[in-house]
């Protein structure tokens, strides 16, 4: 059950702009989190108007917020990535054990199943 919870956490710590795991995460005053680079790039496109918006809820910010890395969220992302890698390694060994019990599976079939399992971690 704990593994399932970790997988759900992995889904929740992705940047809504680049859709990847948060890198140098920052949180706006409206509570939405982004990669530092992504939100800065988004706000660079709004420099001319001098009104900066949250890409998710469209809340206005005047002046441009000075964002700092959310270290707690960064630690959570790192922990989740470690957990996903560990889960993948465990799944790989499970796959090898499965293959030893089901010799009809080719290496390609076993690796395809493993790859699909890997992708499901990041959905």
PDB file of N, CA and C in Angstrom:
ATOM      1  N   UNK A   1       0.815  -1.199   0.000  1.00  0.00           N
ATOM      2  CA  UNK A   1       0.000   0.000   0.000  1.00  0.00           C
ATOM      3  C   UNK A   1       0.860   1.264   0.000  1.00  0.00           C
ATOM      4  N   UNK A   2       1.983   1.207   0.705  1.00  0.00           N
ATOM      5  CA  UNK A   2       2.876   2.356   0.745  1.00  0.00           C
ATOM      6  C   UNK A   2       3.432   2.659  -0.644  1.00  0.00           C
ATOM      7  N   UNK A   3       3.715   1.626  -1.433  1.00  0.00           N
ATOM      8  CA  UNK A   3       4.220   1.845  -2.779  1.00  0.00           C
ATOM      9  C   UNK A   3       3.201   2.613  -3.607  1.00  0.00           C
ATOM     10  N   UNK A   4       1.952   2.240  -3.507  1.00  0.00           N
ATOM     11  CA  UNK A   4       0.907   2.914  -4.278  1.00  0.00           C
ATOM     12  C   UNK A   4       0.862   4.396  -3.915  1.00  0.00           C
ATOM     13  N   UNK A   5       1.002   4.699  -2.621  1.00  0.00           N
ATOM     14  CA  UNK A   5       1.017   6.089  -2.189  1.00  0.00           C
ATOM     15  C   UNK A   5       2.184   6.846  -2.778  1.00  0.00           C
ATOM     16  N   UNK A   6       3.346   6.223  -2.845  1.00  0.00           N
ATOM     17  CA  UNK A   6       4.516   6.865  -3.421  1.00  0.00           C
ATOM     18  C   UNK A   6       4.316   7.130  -4.905  1.00  0.00           C
ATOM     19  N   UNK A   7       3.690   6.206  -5.605  1.00  0.00           N
ATOM     20  CA  UNK A   7       3.438   6.417  -7.022  1.00  0.00           C
ATOM     21  C   UNK A   7       2.496   7.595  -7.220  1.00  0.00           C
ATOM     22  N   UNK A   8       1.497   7.724  -6.383  1.00  0.00           N
ATOM     23  CA  UNK A   8       0.587   8.850  -6.489  1.00  0.00           C
ATOM     24  C   UNK A   8       1.314  10.153  -6.225  1.00  0.00           C
ATOM     25  N   UNK A   9       2.229  10.164  -5.256  1.00  0.00           N
ATOM     26  CA  UNK A   9       3.011  11.363  -4.988  1.00  0.00           C
ATOM     27  C   UNK A   9       3.849  11.738  -6.201  1.00  0.00           C
ATOM     28  N   UNK A  10       4.392  10.747  -6.879  1.00  0.00           N
ATOM     29  CA  UNK A  10       5.197  11.011  -8.076  1.00  0.00           C
ATOM     30  C   UNK A  10       4.361  11.727  -9.127  1.00  0.00           C
ATOM     31  N   UNK A  11       3.118  11.371  -9.264  1.00  0.00           N
ATOM     32  CA  UNK A  11       2.242  12.019 -10.230  1.00  0.00           C
ATOM     33  C   UNK A  11       2.000  13.473  -9.875  1.00  0.00           C
ATOM     34  N   UNK A  12       2.007  13.781  -8.596  1.00  0.00           N
ATOM     35  CA  UNK A  12       1.647  15.121  -8.140  1.00  0.00           C
ATOM     36  C   UNK A  12       2.808  16.098  -8.132  1.00  0.00           C
ATOM     37  N   UNK A  13       4.014  15.647  -8.387  1.00  0.00           N
ATOM     38  CA  UNK A  13       5.164  16.543  -8.293  1.00  0.00           C
ATOM     39  C   UNK A  13       5.770  16.831  -9.658  1.00  0.00           C
ATOM     40  N   UNK A  14       4.907  16.911 -10.652  1.00  0.00           N
ATOM     41  CA  UNK A  14       5.332  17.271 -12.000  1.00  0.00           C
ATOM     42  C   UNK A  14       4.960  18.716 -12.276  1.00  0.00           C
ATOM     43  N   UNK A  15       5.784  19.372 -13.062  1.00  0.00           N
ATOM     44  CA  UNK A  15       5.537  20.761 -13.442  1.00  0.00           C
ATOM     45  C   UNK A  15       4.426  20.807 -14.492  1.00  0.00           C
ATOM     46  N   UNK A  16       3.407  21.631 -14.287  1.00  0.00           N
ATOM     47  CA  UNK A  16       2.325  21.712 -15.269  1.00  0.00           C
ATOM     48  C   UNK A  16       2.732  22.408 -16.573  1.00  0.00           C
ATOM     49  N   UNK A  17       3.914  23.009 -16.607  1.00  0.00           N
ATOM     50  CA  UNK A  17       4.380  23.654 -17.842  1.00  0.00           C
ATOM     51  C   UNK A  17       5.164  22.665 -18.697  1.00  0.00           C
ATOM     52  N   UNK A  18       6.209  22.047 -18.127  1.00  0.00           N
ATOM     53  CA  UNK A  18       7.042  21.133 -18.925  1.00  0.00           C
ATOM     54  C   UNK A  18       6.615  19.667 -18.785  1.00  0.00           C
ATOM     55  N   UNK A  19       5.743  19.383 -17.826  1.00  0.00           N
ATOM     56  CA  UNK A  19       5.204  18.040 -17.576  1.00  0.00           C
ATOM     57  C   UNK A  19       6.269  17.030 -17.139  1.00  0.00           C
ATOM     58  N   UNK A  20       7.382  17.525 -16.644  1.00  0.00           N
ATOM     59  CA  UNK A  20       8.448  16.676 -16.124  1.00  0.00           C
ATOM     60  C   UNK A  20       8.475  16.852 -14.601  1.00  0.00           C
ATOM     61  N   UNK A  21       9.286  16.029 -13.930  1.00  0.00           N
ATOM     62  CA  UNK A  21       9.436  16.227 -12.499  1.00  0.00           C
ATOM     63  C   UNK A  21       9.956  17.633 -12.236  1.00  0.00           C
ATOM     64  N   UNK A  22       9.504  18.237 -11.139  1.00  0.00           N
ATOM     65  CA  UNK A  22       9.910  19.594 -10.799  1.00  0.00           C
ATOM     66  C   UNK A  22      11.418  19.684 -10.611  1.00  0.00           C
ATOM     67  N   UNK A  23      12.024  20.673 -11.249  1.00  0.00           N
ATOM     68  CA  UNK A  23      13.453  20.949 -11.093  1.00  0.00           C
ATOM     69  C   UNK A  23      13.575  22.320 -10.449  1.00  0.00           C
ATOM     70  N   UNK A  24      14.277  22.417  -9.358  1.00  0.00           N
ATOM     71  CA  UNK A  24      14.350  23.663  -8.581  1.00  0.00           C
ATOM     72  C   UNK A  24      12.942  24.220  -8.376  1.00  0.00           C
ATOM     73  N   UNK A  25      12.087  23.450  -7.691  1.00  0.00           N
ATOM     74  CA  UNK A  25      10.679  23.851  -7.566  1.00  0.00           C
ATOM     75  C   UNK A  25      10.489  25.148  -6.789  1.00  0.00           C
ATOM     76  N   UNK A  26       9.544  25.932  -7.283  1.00  0.00           N
ATOM     77  CA  UNK A  26       9.119  27.156  -6.611  1.00  0.00           C
ATOM     78  C   UNK A  26       7.605  27.109  -6.499  1.00  0.00           C
ATOM     79  N   UNK A  27       7.085  27.779  -5.493  1.00  0.00           N
ATOM     80  CA  UNK A  27       5.641  27.829  -5.290  1.00  0.00           C
ATOM     81  C   UNK A  27       5.210  29.287  -5.282  1.00  0.00           C
ATOM     82  N   UNK A  28       4.223  29.602  -6.101  1.00  0.00           N
ATOM     83  CA  UNK A  28       3.707  30.974  -6.166  1.00  0.00           C
ATOM     84  C   UNK A  28       2.821  31.242  -4.952  1.00  0.00           C
ATOM     85  N   UNK A  29       2.479  32.500  -4.742  1.00  0.00           N
ATOM     86  CA  UNK A  29       1.649  32.841  -3.587  1.00  0.00           C
ATOM     87  C   UNK A  29       0.238  32.271  -3.697  1.00  0.00           C
ATOM     88  N   UNK A  30      -0.182  31.876  -4.913  1.00  0.00           N
ATOM     89  CA  UNK A  30      -1.498  31.246  -5.076  1.00  0.00           C
ATOM     90  C   UNK A  30      -1.432  29.741  -4.788  1.00  0.00           C
ATOM     91  N   UNK A  31      -0.219  29.223  -4.545  1.00  0.00           N
ATOM     92  CA  UNK A  31      -0.069  27.836  -4.132  1.00  0.00           C
ATOM     93  C   UNK A  31       0.307  26.859  -5.231  1.00  0.00           C
ATOM     94  N   UNK A  32       0.480  27.316  -6.457  1.00  0.00           N
ATOM     95  CA  UNK A  32       0.858  26.415  -7.547  1.00  0.00           C
ATOM     96  C   UNK A  32       2.385  26.333  -7.650  1.00  0.00           C
ATOM     97  N   UNK A  33       2.876  25.141  -8.013  1.00  0.00           N
ATOM     98  CA  UNK A  33       4.318  24.910  -8.060  1.00  0.00           C
ATOM     99  C   UNK A  33       4.778  24.638  -9.486  1.00  0.00           C
ATOM    100  N   UNK A  34       5.981  25.136  -9.788  1.00  0.00           N
ATOM    101  CA  UNK A  34       6.577  25.030 -11.112  1.00  0.00           C
ATOM    102  C   UNK A  34       8.082  24.851 -10.980  1.00  0.00           C
ATOM    103  N   UNK A  35       8.724  24.431 -12.068  1.00  0.00           N
ATOM    104  CA  UNK A  35      10.181  24.491 -12.137  1.00  0.00           C
ATOM    105  C   UNK A  35      10.543  25.980 -12.178  1.00  0.00           C
ATOM    106  N   UNK A  36      11.612  26.335 -11.509  1.00  0.00           N
ATOM    107  CA  UNK A  36      12.051  27.740 -11.518  1.00  0.00           C
ATOM    108  C   UNK A  36      12.218  28.241 -12.953  1.00  0.00           C
ATOM    109  N   UNK A  37      12.882  27.460 -13.788  1.00  0.00           N
ATOM    110  CA  UNK A  37      13.147  27.857 -15.172  1.00  0.00           C
ATOM    111  C   UNK A  37      11.847  28.035 -15.960  1.00  0.00           C
ATOM    112  N   UNK A  38      10.889  27.124 -15.745  1.00  0.00           N
ATOM    113  CA  UNK A  38       9.620  27.182 -16.494  1.00  0.00           C
ATOM    114  C   UNK A  38       8.817  28.429 -16.162  1.00  0.00           C
ATOM    115  N   UNK A  39       8.665  28.739 -14.883  1.00  0.00           N
ATOM    116  CA  UNK A  39       7.838  29.900 -14.517  1.00  0.00           C
ATOM    117  C   UNK A  39       8.544  31.194 -14.914  1.00  0.00           C
ATOM    118  N   UNK A  40       9.877  31.221 -14.813  1.00  0.00           N
ATOM    119  CA  UNK A  40      10.601  32.423 -15.245  1.00  0.00           C
ATOM    120  C   UNK A  40      10.442  32.634 -16.743  1.00  0.00           C
ATOM    121  N   UNK A  41      10.515  31.552 -17.516  1.00  0.00           N
ATOM    122  CA  UNK A  41      10.315  31.662 -18.969  1.00  0.00           C
ATOM    123  C   UNK A  41       8.907  32.147 -19.281  1.00  0.00           C
ATOM    124  N   UNK A  42       7.931  31.628 -18.565  1.00  0.00           N
ATOM    125  CA  UNK A  42       6.541  32.059 -18.760  1.00  0.00           C
ATOM    126  C   UNK A  42       6.404  33.551 -18.460  1.00  0.00           C
ATOM    127  N   UNK A  43       6.988  33.981 -17.359  1.00  0.00           N
ATOM    128  CA  UNK A  43       6.876  35.389 -16.978  1.00  0.00           C
ATOM    129  C   UNK A  43       7.702  36.290 -17.889  1.00  0.00           C
ATOM    130  N   UNK A  44       8.772  35.769 -18.478  1.00  0.00           N
ATOM    131  CA  UNK A  44       9.550  36.569 -19.436  1.00  0.00           C
ATOM    132  C   UNK A  44       8.676  36.993 -20.609  1.00  0.00           C
ATOM    133  N   UNK A  45       7.711  36.156 -20.984  1.00  0.00           N
ATOM    134  CA  UNK A  45       6.816  36.500 -22.096  1.00  0.00           C
ATOM    135  C   UNK A  45       5.816  37.587 -21.696  1.00  0.00           C
ATOM    136  N   UNK A  46       5.679  37.825 -20.388  1.00  0.00           N
ATOM    137  CA  UNK A  46       4.719  38.825 -19.899  1.00  0.00           C
ATOM    138  C   UNK A  46       5.400  40.111 -19.432  1.00  0.00           C
ATOM    139  N   UNK A  47       6.717  40.220 -19.653  1.00  0.00           N
ATOM    140  CA  UNK A  47       7.468  41.387 -19.186  1.00  0.00           C
ATOM    141  C   UNK A  47       6.932  42.698 -19.742  1.00  0.00           C
ATOM    142  N   UNK A  48       6.508  42.695 -20.986  1.00  0.00           N
ATOM    143  CA  UNK A  48       6.044  43.926 -21.616  1.00  0.00           C
ATOM    144  C   UNK A  48       4.818  44.504 -20.906  1.00  0.00           C
ATOM    145  N   UNK A  49       3.911  43.630 -20.480  1.00  0.00           N
ATOM    146  CA  UNK A  49       2.682  44.085 -19.808  1.00  0.00           C
ATOM    147  C   UNK A  49       2.918  44.467 -18.349  1.00  0.00           C
ATOM    148  N   UNK A  50       4.003  43.958 -17.770  1.00  0.00           N
ATOM    149  CA  UNK A  50       4.327  44.182 -16.347  1.00  0.00           C
ATOM    150  C   UNK A  50       3.272  43.599 -15.407  1.00  0.00           C
ATOM    151  N   UNK A  51       2.440  42.704 -15.936  1.00  0.00           N
ATOM    152  CA  UNK A  51       1.482  41.950 -15.132  1.00  0.00           C
ATOM    153  C   UNK A  51       1.818  40.487 -15.350  1.00  0.00           C
ATOM    154  N   UNK A  52       2.105  39.795 -14.270  1.00  0.00           N
ATOM    155  CA  UNK A  52       2.546  38.402 -14.351  1.00  0.00           C
ATOM    156  C   UNK A  52       1.436  37.516 -13.809  1.00  0.00           C
ATOM    157  N   UNK A  53       1.161  36.426 -14.508  1.00  0.00           N
ATOM    158  CA  UNK A  53       0.037  35.576 -14.126  1.00  0.00           C
ATOM    159  C   UNK A  53       0.497  34.155 -13.814  1.00  0.00           C
ATOM    160  N   UNK A  54      -0.307  33.488 -12.999  1.00  0.00           N
ATOM    161  CA  UNK A  54      -0.118  32.064 -12.744  1.00  0.00           C
ATOM    162  C   UNK A  54      -0.694  31.320 -13.950  1.00  0.00           C
ATOM    163  N   UNK A  55       0.080  30.438 -14.563  1.00  0.00           N
ATOM    164  CA  UNK A  55      -0.423  29.708 -15.731  1.00  0.00           C
ATOM    165  C   UNK A  55      -1.628  28.819 -15.434  1.00  0.00           C
ATOM    166  N   UNK A  56      -1.831  28.454 -14.170  1.00  0.00           N
ATOM    167  CA  UNK A  56      -2.941  27.565 -13.850  1.00  0.00           C
ATOM    168  C   UNK A  56      -4.212  28.318 -13.475  1.00  0.00           C
ATOM    169  N   UNK A  57      -4.122  29.245 -12.549  1.00  0.00           N
ATOM    170  CA  UNK A  57      -5.349  29.916 -12.077  1.00  0.00           C
ATOM    171  C   UNK A  57      -5.491  31.343 -12.595  1.00  0.00           C
ATOM    172  N   UNK A  58      -4.475  31.829 -13.301  1.00  0.00           N
ATOM    173  CA  UNK A  58      -4.468  33.169 -13.908  1.00  0.00           C
ATOM    174  C   UNK A  58      -4.466  34.304 -12.883  1.00  0.00           C
ATOM    175  N   UNK A  59      -4.099  34.033 -11.645  1.00  0.00           N
ATOM    176  CA  UNK A  59      -3.982  35.105 -10.655  1.00  0.00           C
ATOM    177  C   UNK A  59      -2.895  36.069 -11.119  1.00  0.00           C
ATOM    178  N   UNK A  60      -3.166  37.361 -10.975  1.00  0.00           N
ATOM    179  CA  UNK A  60      -2.200  38.387 -11.370  1.00  0.00           C
ATOM    180  C   UNK A  60      -1.216  38.659 -10.242  1.00  0.00           C
ATOM    181  N   UNK A  61       0.020  38.950 -10.632  1.00  0.00           N
ATOM    182  CA  UNK A  61       1.049  39.354  -9.686  1.00  0.00           C
ATOM    183  C   UNK A  61       1.676  40.649 -10.200  1.00  0.00           C
ATOM    184  N   UNK A  62       1.638  41.684  -9.357  1.00  0.00           N
ATOM    185  CA  UNK A  62       2.291  42.948  -9.684  1.00  0.00           C
ATOM    186  C   UNK A  62       2.994  43.408  -8.410  1.00  0.00           C
ATOM    187  N   UNK A  63       4.267  43.576  -8.402  1.00  0.00           N
ATOM    188  CA  UNK A  63       5.243  43.346  -9.468  1.00  0.00           C
ATOM    189  C   UNK A  63       5.554  41.852  -9.609  1.00  0.00           C
ATOM    190  N   UNK A  64       6.509  41.567 -10.477  1.00  0.00           N
ATOM    191  CA  UNK A  64       6.932  40.176 -10.695  1.00  0.00           C
ATOM    192  C   UNK A  64       7.471  39.612  -9.380  1.00  0.00           C
ATOM    193  N   UNK A  65       6.928  38.476  -8.948  1.00  0.00           N
ATOM    194  CA  UNK A  65       7.381  37.892  -7.680  1.00  0.00           C
ATOM    195  C   UNK A  65       8.842  37.441  -7.733  1.00  0.00           C
ATOM    196  N   UNK A  66       9.509  37.593  -6.615  1.00  0.00           N
ATOM    197  CA  UNK A  66      10.874  37.090  -6.457  1.00  0.00           C
ATOM    198  C   UNK A  66      10.740  35.709  -5.817  1.00  0.00           C
ATOM    199  N   UNK A  67      10.921  34.666  -6.624  1.00  0.00           N
ATOM    200  CA  UNK A  67      10.690  33.302  -6.139  1.00  0.00           C
ATOM    201  C   UNK A  67      11.974  32.675  -5.613  1.00  0.00           C
ATOM    202  N   UNK A  68      11.824  31.873  -4.588  1.00  0.00           N
ATOM    203  CA  UNK A  68      12.937  31.124  -4.021  1.00  0.00           C
ATOM    204  C   UNK A  68      12.593  29.642  -4.083  1.00  0.00           C
ATOM    205  N   UNK A  69      13.635  28.838  -4.176  1.00  0.00           N
ATOM    206  CA  UNK A  69      13.460  27.389  -4.251  1.00  0.00           C
ATOM    207  C   UNK A  69      12.700  26.884  -3.028  1.00  0.00           C
ATOM    208  N   UNK A  70      11.703  26.047  -3.271  1.00  0.00           N
ATOM    209  CA  UNK A  70      10.941  25.405  -2.202  1.00  0.00           C
ATOM    210  C   UNK A  70      11.713  24.139  -1.811  1.00  0.00           C
ATOM    211  N   UNK A  71      12.539  24.243  -0.776  1.00  0.00           N
ATOM    212  CA  UNK A  71      13.443  23.147  -0.428  1.00  0.00           C
ATOM    213  C   UNK A  71      12.698  21.907   0.050  1.00  0.00           C
ATOM    214  N   UNK A  72      11.571  22.090   0.720  1.00  0.00           N
ATOM    215  CA  UNK A  72      10.800  20.934   1.181  1.00  0.00           C
ATOM    216  C   UNK A  72      10.256  20.156  -0.016  1.00  0.00           C
ATOM    217  N   UNK A  73       9.757  20.875  -0.998  1.00  0.00           N
ATOM    218  CA  UNK A  73       9.235  20.222  -2.205  1.00  0.00           C
ATOM    219  C   UNK A  73      10.372  19.590  -3.006  1.00  0.00           C
ATOM    220  N   UNK A  74      11.526  20.248  -3.049  1.00  0.00           N
ATOM    221  CA  UNK A  74      12.689  19.690  -3.750  1.00  0.00           C
ATOM    222  C   UNK A  74      13.114  18.368  -3.111  1.00  0.00           C
ATOM    223  N   UNK A  75      13.090  18.321  -1.779  1.00  0.00           N
ATOM    224  CA  UNK A  75      13.432  17.080  -1.074  1.00  0.00           C
ATOM    225  C   UNK A  75      12.419  15.980  -1.390  1.00  0.00           C
ATOM    226  N   UNK A  76      11.143  16.344  -1.461  1.00  0.00           N
ATOM    227  CA  UNK A  76      10.092  15.382  -1.779  1.00  0.00           C
ATOM    228  C   UNK A  76      10.275  14.822  -3.190  1.00  0.00           C
ATOM    229  N   UNK A  77      10.606  15.690  -4.142  1.00  0.00           N
ATOM    230  CA  UNK A  77      10.840  15.248  -5.522  1.00  0.00           C
ATOM    231  C   UNK A  77      12.003  14.266  -5.552  1.00  0.00           C
ATOM    232  N   UNK A  78      13.091  14.606  -4.869  1.00  0.00           N
ATOM    233  CA  UNK A  78      14.268  13.725  -4.846  1.00  0.00           C
ATOM    234  C   UNK A  78      13.932  12.382  -4.209  1.00  0.00           C
ATOM    235  N   UNK A  79      13.180  12.429  -3.119  1.00  0.00           N
ATOM    236  CA  UNK A  79      12.775  11.191  -2.435  1.00  0.00           C
ATOM    237  C   UNK A  79      11.890  10.334  -3.337  1.00  0.00           C
ATOM    238  N   UNK A  80      10.984  10.982  -4.045  1.00  0.00           N
ATOM    239  CA  UNK A  80      10.077  10.258  -4.926  1.00  0.00           C
ATOM    240  C   UNK A  80      10.826   9.630  -6.090  1.00  0.00           C
ATOM    241  N   UNK A  81      11.775  10.373  -6.669  1.00  0.00           N
ATOM    242  CA  UNK A  81      12.564   9.821  -7.771  1.00  0.00           C
ATOM    243  C   UNK A  81      13.363   8.614  -7.311  1.00  0.00           C
ATOM    244  N   UNK A  82      13.935   8.694  -6.113  1.00  0.00           N
ATOM    245  CA  UNK A  82      14.670   7.568  -5.546  1.00  0.00           C
ATOM    246  C   UNK A  82      13.755   6.378  -5.375  1.00  0.00           C
ATOM    247  N   UNK A  83      12.561   6.631  -4.868  1.00  0.00           N
ATOM    248  CA  UNK A  83      11.578   5.569  -4.658  1.00  0.00           C
ATOM    249  C   UNK A  83      11.191   4.930  -5.989  1.00  0.00           C
ATOM    250  N   UNK A  84      10.977   5.756  -7.033  1.00  0.00           N
ATOM    251  CA  UNK A  84      10.607   5.225  -8.345  1.00  0.00           C
ATOM    252  C   UNK A  84      11.720   4.354  -8.909  1.00  0.00           C
ATOM    253  N   UNK A  85      12.970   4.775  -8.730  1.00  0.00           N
ATOM    254  CA  UNK A  85      14.098   3.983  -9.206  1.00  0.00           C
ATOM    255  C   UNK A  85      14.162   2.665  -8.449  1.00  0.00           C
ATOM    256  N   UNK A  86      13.972   2.721  -7.130  1.00  0.00           N
ATOM    257  CA  UNK A  86      13.984   1.491  -6.338  1.00  0.00           C
ATOM    258  C   UNK A  86      12.855   0.568  -6.760  1.00  0.00           C
ATOM    259  N   UNK A  87      11.676   1.130  -6.998  1.00  0.00           N
ATOM    260  CA  UNK A  87      10.545   0.315  -7.451  1.00  0.00           C
ATOM    261  C   UNK A  87      10.860  -0.336  -8.788  1.00  0.00           C
ATOM    262  N   UNK A  88      11.508   0.418  -9.674  1.00  0.00           N
ATOM    263  CA  UNK A  88      11.855  -0.128 -10.973  1.00  0.00           C
ATOM    264  C   UNK A  88      12.841  -1.282 -10.816  1.00  0.00           C
ATOM    265  N   UNK A  89      13.837  -1.113  -9.928  1.00  0.00           N
ATOM    266  CA  UNK A  89      14.802  -2.187  -9.708  1.00  0.00           C
ATOM    267  C   UNK A  89      14.107  -3.413  -9.144  1.00  0.00           C
ATOM    268  N   UNK A  90      13.200  -3.206  -8.199  1.00  0.00           N
ATOM    269  CA  UNK A  90      12.464  -4.333  -7.636  1.00  0.00           C
ATOM    270  C   UNK A  90      11.617  -4.997  -8.721  1.00  0.00           C
ATOM    271  N   UNK A  91      10.990  -4.183  -9.568  1.00  0.00           N
ATOM    272  CA  UNK A  91      10.178  -4.735 -10.648  1.00  0.00           C
ATOM    273  C   UNK A  91      11.039  -5.519 -11.630  1.00  0.00           C
ATOM    274  N   UNK A  92      12.263  -5.047 -11.867  1.00  0.00           N
ATOM    275  CA  UNK A  92      13.164  -5.756 -12.767  1.00  0.00           C
ATOM    276  C   UNK A  92      13.475  -7.143 -12.215  1.00  0.00           C
ATOM    277  N   UNK A  93      13.790  -7.208 -10.923  1.00  0.00           N
ATOM    278  CA  UNK A  93      14.073  -8.508 -10.324  1.00  0.00           C
ATOM    279  C   UNK A  93      12.826  -9.386 -10.290  1.00  0.00           C
ATOM    280  N   UNK A  94      11.671  -8.776 -10.069  1.00  0.00           N
ATOM    281  CA  UNK A  94      10.416  -9.532 -10.123  1.00  0.00           C
ATOM    282  C   UNK A  94      10.206 -10.086 -11.525  1.00  0.00           C
ATOM    283  N   UNK A  95      10.549  -9.273 -12.515  1.00  0.00           N
ATOM    284  CA  UNK A  95      10.411  -9.696 -13.912  1.00  0.00           C
ATOM    285  C   UNK A  95      11.317 -10.889 -14.199  1.00  0.00           C
ATOM    286  N   UNK A  96      12.539 -10.832 -13.691  1.00  0.00           N
ATOM    287  CA  UNK A  96      13.448 -11.953 -13.888  1.00  0.00           C
ATOM    288  C   UNK A  96      12.908 -13.207 -13.215  1.00  0.00           C
ATOM    289  N   UNK A  97      12.370 -13.028 -12.005  1.00  0.00           N
ATOM    290  CA  UNK A  97      11.781 -14.179 -11.311  1.00  0.00           C
ATOM    291  C   UNK A  97      10.568 -14.696 -12.071  1.00  0.00           C
ATOM    292  N   UNK A  98       9.748 -13.788 -12.567  1.00  0.00           N
ATOM    293  CA  UNK A  98       8.573 -14.170 -13.347  1.00  0.00           C
ATOM    294  C   UNK A  98       9.010 -14.961 -14.580  1.00  0.00           C
ATOM    295  N   UNK A  99      10.060 -14.468 -15.234  1.00  0.00           N
ATOM    296  CA  UNK A  99      10.542 -15.137 -16.432  1.00  0.00           C
ATOM    297  C   UNK A  99      11.077 -16.531 -16.102  1.00  0.00           C
ATOM    298  N   UNK A 100      11.704 -16.681 -14.941  1.00  0.00           N
ATOM    299  CA  UNK A 100      12.217 -18.000 -14.581  1.00  0.00           C
ATOM    300  C   UNK A 100      11.060 -18.977 -14.340  1.00  0.00           C
ATOM    301  N   UNK A 101       9.914 -18.434 -13.884  1.00  0.00           N
ATOM    302  CA  UNK A 101       8.740 -19.280 -13.675  1.00  0.00           C
ATOM    303  C   UNK A 101       7.945 -19.484 -14.960  1.00  0.00           C
ATOM    304  N   UNK A 102       8.048 -18.544 -15.885  1.00  0.00           N
ATOM    305  CA  UNK A 102       7.308 -18.597 -17.144  1.00  0.00           C
ATOM    306  C   UNK A 102       8.309 -18.520 -18.287  1.00  0.00           C
ATOM    307  N   UNK A 103       8.937 -19.587 -18.562  1.00  0.00           N
ATOM    308  CA  UNK A 103      10.022 -19.615 -19.548  1.00  0.00           C
ATOM    309  C   UNK A 103       9.541 -19.295 -20.964  1.00  0.00           C
ATOM    310  N   UNK A 104       8.213 -19.312 -21.164  1.00  0.00           N
ATOM    311  CA  UNK A 104       7.708 -18.985 -22.497  1.00  0.00           C
ATOM    312  C   UNK A 104       7.904 -17.505 -22.826  1.00  0.00           C
ATOM    313  N   UNK A 105       8.138 -16.663 -21.816  1.00  0.00           N
ATOM    314  CA  UNK A 105       8.373 -15.244 -22.078  1.00  0.00           C
ATOM    315  C   UNK A 105       9.774 -15.056 -22.643  1.00  0.00           C
ATOM    316  N   UNK A 106       9.855 -14.357 -23.757  1.00  0.00           N
ATOM    317  CA  UNK A 106      11.172 -14.039 -24.305  1.00  0.00           C
ATOM    318  C   UNK A 106      11.749 -12.863 -23.517  1.00  0.00           C
ATOM    319  N   UNK A 107      13.008 -12.593 -23.713  1.00  0.00           N
ATOM    320  CA  UNK A 107      13.634 -11.434 -23.081  1.00  0.00           C
ATOM    321  C   UNK A 107      12.906 -10.169 -23.532  1.00  0.00           C
ATOM    322  N   UNK A 108      12.547 -10.114 -24.817  1.00  0.00           N
ATOM    323  CA  UNK A 108      11.839  -8.943 -25.347  1.00  0.00           C
ATOM    324  C   UNK A 108      10.487  -8.779 -24.662  1.00  0.00           C
ATOM    325  N   UNK A 109       9.741  -9.868 -24.493  1.00  0.00           N
ATOM    326  CA  UNK A 109       8.438  -9.776 -23.828  1.00  0.00           C
ATOM    327  C   UNK A 109       8.600  -9.334 -22.379  1.00  0.00           C
ATOM    328  N   UNK A 110       9.590  -9.907 -21.702  1.00  0.00           N
ATOM    329  CA  UNK A 110       9.817  -9.539 -20.306  1.00  0.00           C
ATOM    330  C   UNK A 110      10.229  -8.076 -20.199  1.00  0.00           C
ATOM    331  N   UNK A 111      11.113  -7.625 -21.099  1.00  0.00           N
ATOM    332  CA  UNK A 111      11.554  -6.233 -21.038  1.00  0.00           C
ATOM    333  C   UNK A 111      10.421  -5.286 -21.423  1.00  0.00           C
ATOM    334  N   UNK A 112       9.547  -5.705 -22.346  1.00  0.00           N
ATOM    335  CA  UNK A 112       8.396  -4.880 -22.716  1.00  0.00           C
ATOM    336  C   UNK A 112       7.458  -4.730 -21.527  1.00  0.00           C
ATOM    337  N   UNK A 113       7.206  -5.818 -20.822  1.00  0.00           N
ATOM    338  CA  UNK A 113       6.371  -5.732 -19.623  1.00  0.00           C
ATOM    339  C   UNK A 113       6.998  -4.825 -18.575  1.00  0.00           C
ATOM    340  N   UNK A 114       8.328  -4.939 -18.428  1.00  0.00           N
ATOM    341  CA  UNK A 114       9.037  -4.097 -17.470  1.00  0.00           C
ATOM    342  C   UNK A 114       8.937  -2.636 -17.874  1.00  0.00           C
ATOM    343  N   UNK A 115       9.121  -2.345 -19.179  1.00  0.00           N
ATOM    344  CA  UNK A 115       9.049  -0.978 -19.660  1.00  0.00           C
ATOM    345  C   UNK A 115       7.652  -0.395 -19.430  1.00  0.00           C
ATOM    346  N   UNK A 116       6.618  -1.182 -19.691  1.00  0.00           N
ATOM    347  CA  UNK A 116       5.243  -0.725 -19.451  1.00  0.00           C
ATOM    348  C   UNK A 116       5.025  -0.431 -17.971  1.00  0.00           C
ATOM    349  N   UNK A 117       5.575  -1.263 -17.124  1.00  0.00           N
ATOM    350  CA  UNK A 117       5.464  -1.045 -15.678  1.00  0.00           C
ATOM    351  C   UNK A 117       6.187   0.246 -15.310  1.00  0.00           C
ATOM    352  N   UNK A 118       7.361   0.473 -15.926  1.00  0.00           N
ATOM    353  CA  UNK A 118       8.151   1.676 -15.683  1.00  0.00           C
ATOM    354  C   UNK A 118       7.339   2.908 -16.075  1.00  0.00           C
ATOM    355  N   UNK A 119       6.706   2.877 -17.236  1.00  0.00           N
ATOM    356  CA  UNK A 119       5.907   4.009 -17.682  1.00  0.00           C
ATOM    357  C   UNK A 119       4.732   4.266 -16.755  1.00  0.00           C
ATOM    358  N   UNK A 120       4.155   3.223 -16.201  1.00  0.00           N
ATOM    359  CA  UNK A 120       2.996   3.409 -15.322  1.00  0.00           C
ATOM    360  C   UNK A 120       3.380   4.151 -14.043  1.00  0.00           C
ATOM    361  N   UNK A 121       4.649   4.087 -13.667  1.00  0.00           N
ATOM    362  CA  UNK A 121       5.117   4.816 -12.479  1.00  0.00           C
ATOM    363  C   UNK A 121       5.047   6.310 -12.724  1.00  0.00           C
ATOM    364  N   UNK A 122       5.245   6.750 -13.989  1.00  0.00           N
ATOM    365  CA  UNK A 122       5.318   8.158 -14.301  1.00  0.00           C
ATOM    366  C   UNK A 122       4.025   8.730 -14.869  1.00  0.00           C
ATOM    367  N   UNK A 123       2.938   7.969 -14.873  1.00  0.00           N
ATOM    368  CA  UNK A 123       1.656   8.478 -15.384  1.00  0.00           C
ATOM    369  C   UNK A 123       1.011   9.364 -14.348  1.00  0.00           C
TER     370      UNK A 123
END
